[in-house]
Amino acid sequence: MGKNKGARITITLECTCQDSNNITKRKNGIFRYTTSKNRRNTPNRLQINKFCPNCNCHSTFKEIK
C-alpha cells in the first residue's frame, strides 16, 4: 500500500504573454510548465517568472485549474 502524498499537489503554470496578443487559451502554441506545490503553505494561486520559448523572453506564468 502506497503512502498518502498529503498536502502536495501537481499544478500547471501557463504563460501570460499570449494574453496581450488576444489569443484564446487552450490553443496550440501556449507554453505550460508542470510543477508541484504544498497546499497548506501556499493556498493562493502561484505566479512565477519563467522563460517562455514561444515569445523568447521571461514572462509571468500563472497557475491554472
PDB file of N, CA and C in Angstrom:
ATOM      1  N   MET A   1       0.836  -1.183   0.000  1.00  0.00           N
ATOM      2  CA  MET A   1       0.000   0.000   0.000  1.00  0.00           C
ATOM      3  C   MET A   1       0.881   1.246   0.000  1.00  0.00           C
ATOM      4  N   GLY A   2       0.603   2.178  -0.886  1.00  0.00           N
ATOM      5  CA  GLY A   2       1.417   3.381  -1.014  1.00  0.00           C
ATOM      6  C   GLY A   2       1.083   4.418   0.035  1.00  0.00           C
ATOM      7  N   LYS A   3       2.031   5.315   0.253  1.00  0.00           N
ATOM      8  CA  LYS A   3       1.819   6.387   1.224  1.00  0.00           C
ATOM      9  C   LYS A   3       0.986   7.509   0.616  1.00  0.00           C
ATOM     10  N   ASN A   4       0.283   8.200   1.468  1.00  0.00           N
ATOM     11  CA  ASN A   4      -0.507   9.359   1.046  1.00  0.00           C
ATOM     12  C   ASN A   4       0.446  10.532   0.810  1.00  0.00           C
ATOM     13  N   LYS A   5       0.256  11.273  -0.278  1.00  0.00           N
ATOM     14  CA  LYS A   5       1.123  12.407  -0.573  1.00  0.00           C
ATOM     15  C   LYS A   5       0.861  13.589   0.341  1.00  0.00           C
ATOM     16  N   GLY A   6      -0.272  13.626   0.992  1.00  0.00           N
ATOM     17  CA  GLY A   6      -0.558  14.716   1.913  1.00  0.00           C
ATOM     18  C   GLY A   6      -1.029  15.959   1.208  1.00  0.00           C
ATOM     19  N   ALA A   7      -0.427  17.098   1.533  1.00  0.00           N
ATOM     20  CA  ALA A   7      -0.888  18.384   1.024  1.00  0.00           C
ATOM     21  C   ALA A   7      -0.233  18.775  -0.292  1.00  0.00           C
ATOM     22  N   ARG A   8       0.723  17.994  -0.791  1.00  0.00           N
ATOM     23  CA  ARG A   8       1.425  18.359  -2.024  1.00  0.00           C
ATOM     24  C   ARG A   8       0.609  17.923  -3.238  1.00  0.00           C
ATOM     25  N   ILE A   9       0.341  18.896  -4.144  1.00  0.00           N
ATOM     26  CA  ILE A   9      -0.466  18.626  -5.332  1.00  0.00           C
ATOM     27  C   ILE A   9       0.290  19.067  -6.578  1.00  0.00           C
ATOM     28  N   THR A  10      -0.082  18.515  -7.732  1.00  0.00           N
ATOM     29  CA  THR A  10       0.512  18.880  -9.012  1.00  0.00           C
ATOM     30  C   THR A  10      -0.303  20.001  -9.638  1.00  0.00           C
ATOM     31  N   ILE A  11       0.400  21.040 -10.107  1.00  0.00           N
ATOM     32  CA  ILE A  11      -0.272  22.190 -10.714  1.00  0.00           C
ATOM     33  C   ILE A  11       0.311  22.452 -12.096  1.00  0.00           C
ATOM     34  N   THR A  12      -0.410  23.226 -12.902  1.00  0.00           N
ATOM     35  CA  THR A  12       0.034  23.614 -14.234  1.00  0.00           C
ATOM     36  C   THR A  12       0.186  25.124 -14.288  1.00  0.00           C
ATOM     37  N   LEU A  13       1.321  25.589 -14.799  1.00  0.00           N
ATOM     38  CA  LEU A  13       1.582  27.015 -14.957  1.00  0.00           C
ATOM     39  C   LEU A  13       1.508  27.362 -16.441  1.00  0.00           C
ATOM     40  N   GLU A  14       0.769  28.426 -16.767  1.00  0.00           N
ATOM     41  CA  GLU A  14       0.575  28.826 -18.159  1.00  0.00           C
ATOM     42  C   GLU A  14       1.123  30.227 -18.374  1.00  0.00           C
ATOM     43  N   CYS A  15       1.729  30.446 -19.528  1.00  0.00           N
ATOM     44  CA  CYS A  15       2.328  31.736 -19.874  1.00  0.00           C
ATOM     45  C   CYS A  15       1.247  32.789 -20.080  1.00  0.00           C
ATOM     46  N   THR A  16       1.519  34.011 -19.616  1.00  0.00           N
ATOM     47  CA  THR A  16       0.568  35.109 -19.774  1.00  0.00           C
ATOM     48  C   THR A  16       0.957  36.042 -20.916  1.00  0.00           C
ATOM     49  N   CYS A  17       2.035  35.741 -21.634  1.00  0.00           N
ATOM     50  CA  CYS A  17       2.451  36.606 -22.743  1.00  0.00           C
ATOM     51  C   CYS A  17       1.460  36.525 -23.895  1.00  0.00           C
ATOM     52  N   GLN A  18       0.689  35.463 -23.990  1.00  0.00           N
ATOM     53  CA  GLN A  18      -0.298  35.305 -25.056  1.00  0.00           C
ATOM     54  C   GLN A  18      -1.532  36.166 -24.815  1.00  0.00           C
ATOM     55  N   ASP A  19      -1.784  36.607 -23.568  1.00  0.00           N
ATOM     56  CA  ASP A  19      -2.959  37.419 -23.257  1.00  0.00           C
ATOM     57  C   ASP A  19      -2.925  38.762 -23.980  1.00  0.00           C
ATOM     58  N   SER A  20      -1.727  39.323 -24.150  1.00  0.00           N
ATOM     59  CA  SER A  20      -1.632  40.630 -24.795  1.00  0.00           C
ATOM     60  C   SER A  20      -1.889  40.548 -26.298  1.00  0.00           C
ATOM     61  N   ASN A  21      -1.760  39.355 -26.883  1.00  0.00           N
ATOM     62  CA  ASN A  21      -1.986  39.188 -28.318  1.00  0.00           C
ATOM     63  C   ASN A  21      -3.421  38.763 -28.637  1.00  0.00           C
ATOM     64  N   ASN A  22      -4.311  38.750 -27.638  1.00  0.00           N
ATOM     65  CA  ASN A  22      -5.716  38.373 -27.793  1.00  0.00           C
ATOM     66  C   ASN A  22      -5.902  36.972 -28.367  1.00  0.00           C
ATOM     67  N   ILE A  23      -5.040  36.046 -27.980  1.00  0.00           N
ATOM     68  CA  ILE A  23      -5.181  34.652 -28.384  1.00  0.00           C
ATOM     69  C   ILE A  23      -5.927  33.921 -27.272  1.00  0.00           C
ATOM     70  N   THR A  24      -6.945  33.148 -27.640  1.00  0.00           N
ATOM     71  CA  THR A  24      -7.716  32.447 -26.628  1.00  0.00           C
ATOM     72  C   THR A  24      -6.890  31.332 -26.014  1.00  0.00           C
ATOM     73  N   LYS A  25      -7.198  30.999 -24.767  1.00  0.00           N
ATOM     74  CA  LYS A  25      -6.462  29.973 -24.062  1.00  0.00           C
ATOM     75  C   LYS A  25      -6.842  28.595 -24.592  1.00  0.00           C
ATOM     76  N   ARG A  26      -6.025  27.607 -24.234  1.00  0.00           N
ATOM     77  CA  ARG A  26      -6.220  26.209 -24.618  1.00  0.00           C
ATOM     78  C   ARG A  26      -6.055  25.983 -26.121  1.00  0.00           C
ATOM     79  N   LYS A  27      -5.212  26.772 -26.767  1.00  0.00           N
ATOM     80  CA  LYS A  27      -4.899  26.568 -28.180  1.00  0.00           C
ATOM     81  C   LYS A  27      -3.458  26.101 -28.292  1.00  0.00           C
ATOM     82  N   ASN A  28      -3.094  25.602 -29.464  1.00  0.00           N
ATOM     83  CA  ASN A  28      -1.712  25.207 -29.711  1.00  0.00           C
ATOM     84  C   ASN A  28      -0.819  26.444 -29.686  1.00  0.00           C
ATOM     85  N   GLY A  29       0.384  26.294 -29.165  1.00  0.00           N
ATOM     86  CA  GLY A  29       1.322  27.398 -29.124  1.00  0.00           C
ATOM     87  C   GLY A  29       1.427  28.061 -27.767  1.00  0.00           C
ATOM     88  N   ILE A  30       0.546  27.712 -26.836  1.00  0.00           N
ATOM     89  CA  ILE A  30       0.647  28.255 -25.481  1.00  0.00           C
ATOM     90  C   ILE A  30       1.555  27.330 -24.688  1.00  0.00           C
ATOM     91  N   PHE A  31       2.574  27.896 -24.061  1.00  0.00           N
ATOM     92  CA  PHE A  31       3.552  27.083 -23.351  1.00  0.00           C
ATOM     93  C   PHE A  31       3.150  26.920 -21.893  1.00  0.00           C
ATOM     94  N   ARG A  32       3.340  25.712 -21.361  1.00  0.00           N
ATOM     95  CA  ARG A  32       2.970  25.408 -19.975  1.00  0.00           C
ATOM     96  C   ARG A  32       4.078  24.642 -19.278  1.00  0.00           C
ATOM     97  N   TYR A  33       4.215  24.891 -17.979  1.00  0.00           N
ATOM     98  CA  TYR A  33       5.095  24.130 -17.106  1.00  0.00           C
ATOM     99  C   TYR A  33       4.234  23.352 -16.127  1.00  0.00           C
ATOM    100  N   THR A  34       4.731  22.209 -15.664  1.00  0.00           N
ATOM    101  CA  THR A  34       4.064  21.430 -14.632  1.00  0.00           C
ATOM    102  C   THR A  34       4.989  21.373 -13.428  1.00  0.00           C
ATOM    103  N   THR A  35       4.440  21.630 -12.243  1.00  0.00           N
ATOM    104  CA  THR A  35       5.217  21.612 -11.020  1.00  0.00           C
ATOM    105  C   THR A  35       4.309  21.180  -9.880  1.00  0.00           C
ATOM    106  N   SER A  36       4.826  21.189  -8.675  1.00  0.00           N
ATOM    107  CA  SER A  36       4.011  20.837  -7.512  1.00  0.00           C
ATOM    108  C   SER A  36       4.141  21.918  -6.456  1.00  0.00           C
ATOM    109  N   LYS A  37       3.120  21.994  -5.602  1.00  0.00           N
ATOM    110  CA  LYS A  37       3.152  22.967  -4.514  1.00  0.00           C
ATOM    111  C   LYS A  37       2.493  22.352  -3.292  1.00  0.00           C
ATOM    112  N   ASN A  38       2.780  22.925  -2.141  1.00  0.00           N
ATOM    113  CA  ASN A  38       2.168  22.492  -0.898  1.00  0.00           C
ATOM    114  C   ASN A  38       0.912  23.325  -0.665  1.00  0.00           C
ATOM    115  N   ARG A  39      -0.217  22.651  -0.595  1.00  0.00           N
ATOM    116  CA  ARG A  39      -1.500  23.344  -0.451  1.00  0.00           C
ATOM    117  C   ARG A  39      -1.596  24.110   0.871  1.00  0.00           C
ATOM    118  N   ARG A  40      -0.972  23.612   1.916  1.00  0.00           N
ATOM    119  CA  ARG A  40      -1.055  24.270   3.236  1.00  0.00           C
ATOM    120  C   ARG A  40      -0.216  25.542   3.297  1.00  0.00           C
ATOM    121  N   ASN A  41       0.967  25.520   2.691  1.00  0.00           N
ATOM    122  CA  ASN A  41       1.859  26.689   2.747  1.00  0.00           C
ATOM    123  C   ASN A  41       1.457  27.782   1.766  1.00  0.00           C
ATOM    124  N   THR A  42       0.974  27.408   0.574  1.00  0.00           N
ATOM    125  CA  THR A  42       0.591  28.383  -0.442  1.00  0.00           C
ATOM    126  C   THR A  42      -0.825  28.090  -0.932  1.00  0.00           C
ATOM    127  N   PRO A  43      -1.845  28.544  -0.214  1.00  0.00           N
ATOM    128  CA  PRO A  43      -3.226  28.273  -0.638  1.00  0.00           C
ATOM    129  C   PRO A  43      -3.650  29.093  -1.862  1.00  0.00           C
ATOM    130  N   ASN A  44      -2.989  30.228  -2.109  1.00  0.00           N
ATOM    131  CA  ASN A  44      -3.339  31.069  -3.253  1.00  0.00           C
ATOM    132  C   ASN A  44      -2.686  30.536  -4.520  1.00  0.00           C
ATOM    133  N   ARG A  45      -3.117  31.074  -5.655  1.00  0.00           N
ATOM    134  CA  ARG A  45      -2.537  30.655  -6.928  1.00  0.00           C
ATOM    135  C   ARG A  45      -1.138  31.229  -7.095  1.00  0.00           C
ATOM    136  N   LEU A  46      -0.239  30.425  -7.672  1.00  0.00           N
ATOM    137  CA  LEU A  46       1.150  30.841  -7.860  1.00  0.00           C
ATOM    138  C   LEU A  46       1.311  31.720  -9.095  1.00  0.00           C
ATOM    139  N   GLN A  47       2.275  32.622  -9.017  1.00  0.00           N
ATOM    140  CA  GLN A  47       2.722  33.419 -10.157  1.00  0.00           C
ATOM    141  C   GLN A  47       4.243  33.406 -10.120  1.00  0.00           C
ATOM    142  N   ILE A  48       4.844  32.803 -11.148  1.00  0.00           N
ATOM    143  CA  ILE A  48       6.296  32.645 -11.189  1.00  0.00           C
ATOM    144  C   ILE A  48       6.822  33.216 -12.501  1.00  0.00           C
ATOM    145  N   ASN A  49       7.958  33.899 -12.436  1.00  0.00           N
ATOM    146  CA  ASN A  49       8.598  34.452 -13.623  1.00  0.00           C
ATOM    147  C   ASN A  49       9.516  33.388 -14.210  1.00  0.00           C
ATOM    148  N   LYS A  50       9.176  32.871 -15.415  1.00  0.00           N
ATOM    149  CA  LYS A  50       9.942  31.811 -16.058  1.00  0.00           C
ATOM    150  C   LYS A  50      10.159  32.156 -17.532  1.00  0.00           C
ATOM    151  N   PHE A  51      11.001  31.365 -18.208  1.00  0.00           N
ATOM    152  CA  PHE A  51      11.293  31.594 -19.621  1.00  0.00           C
ATOM    153  C   PHE A  51      10.229  30.945 -20.488  1.00  0.00           C
ATOM    154  N   CYS A  52       9.730  31.687 -21.476  1.00  0.00           N
ATOM    155  CA  CYS A  52       8.751  31.191 -22.439  1.00  0.00           C
ATOM    156  C   CYS A  52       9.420  31.092 -23.805  1.00  0.00           C
ATOM    157  N   PRO A  53       9.561  29.883 -24.363  1.00  0.00           N
ATOM    158  CA  PRO A  53      10.197  29.768 -25.670  1.00  0.00           C
ATOM    159  C   PRO A  53       9.346  30.285 -26.821  1.00  0.00           C
ATOM    160  N   ASN A  54       8.036  30.444 -26.626  1.00  0.00           N
ATOM    161  CA  ASN A  54       7.184  30.976 -27.693  1.00  0.00           C
ATOM    162  C   ASN A  54       7.435  32.458 -27.932  1.00  0.00           C
ATOM    163  N   CYS A  55       7.551  33.243 -26.853  1.00  0.00           N
ATOM    164  CA  CYS A  55       7.815  34.673 -27.014  1.00  0.00           C
ATOM    165  C   CYS A  55       9.298  34.999 -26.854  1.00  0.00           C
ATOM    166  N   ASN A  56      10.111  33.983 -26.504  1.00  0.00           N
ATOM    167  CA  ASN A  56      11.562  34.107 -26.393  1.00  0.00           C
ATOM    168  C   ASN A  56      11.982  35.154 -25.365  1.00  0.00           C
ATOM    169  N   CYS A  57      11.288  35.190 -24.238  1.00  0.00           N
ATOM    170  CA  CYS A  57      11.637  36.100 -23.147  1.00  0.00           C
ATOM    171  C   CYS A  57      11.091  35.546 -21.845  1.00  0.00           C
ATOM    172  N   HIS A  58      11.495  36.161 -20.747  1.00  0.00           N
ATOM    173  CA  HIS A  58      10.968  35.789 -19.446  1.00  0.00           C
ATOM    174  C   HIS A  58       9.627  36.485 -19.248  1.00  0.00           C
ATOM    175  N   SER A  59       8.632  35.745 -18.802  1.00  0.00           N
ATOM    176  CA  SER A  59       7.312  36.316 -18.563  1.00  0.00           C
ATOM    177  C   SER A  59       6.677  35.635 -17.362  1.00  0.00           C
ATOM    178  N   THR A  60       5.573  36.180 -16.905  1.00  0.00           N
ATOM    179  CA  THR A  60       4.885  35.647 -15.736  1.00  0.00           C
ATOM    180  C   THR A  60       4.048  34.436 -16.125  1.00  0.00           C
ATOM    181  N   PHE A  61       4.212  33.371 -15.371  1.00  0.00           N
ATOM    182  CA  PHE A  61       3.418  32.164 -15.545  1.00  0.00           C
ATOM    183  C   PHE A  61       2.451  32.084 -14.370  1.00  0.00           C
ATOM    184  N   LYS A  62       1.150  31.897 -14.662  1.00  0.00           N
ATOM    185  CA  LYS A  62       0.135  31.823 -13.620  1.00  0.00           C
ATOM    186  C   LYS A  62      -0.419  30.413 -13.524  1.00  0.00           C
ATOM    187  N   GLU A  63      -0.803  30.051 -12.334  1.00  0.00           N
ATOM    188  CA  GLU A  63      -1.394  28.726 -12.103  1.00  0.00           C
ATOM    189  C   GLU A  63      -2.798  28.675 -12.693  1.00  0.00           C
ATOM    190  N   ILE A  64      -3.092  27.602 -13.422  1.00  0.00           N
ATOM    191  CA  ILE A  64      -4.429  27.403 -13.967  1.00  0.00           C
ATOM    192  C   ILE A  64      -5.041  26.172 -13.331  1.00  0.00           C
ATOM    193  N   LYS A  65      -6.341  26.011 -13.519  1.00  0.00           N
ATOM    194  CA  LYS A  65      -7.019  24.849 -12.944  1.00  0.00           C
ATOM    195  C   LYS A  65      -6.576  23.576 -13.592  1.00  0.00           C
TER     196      LYS A  65
END
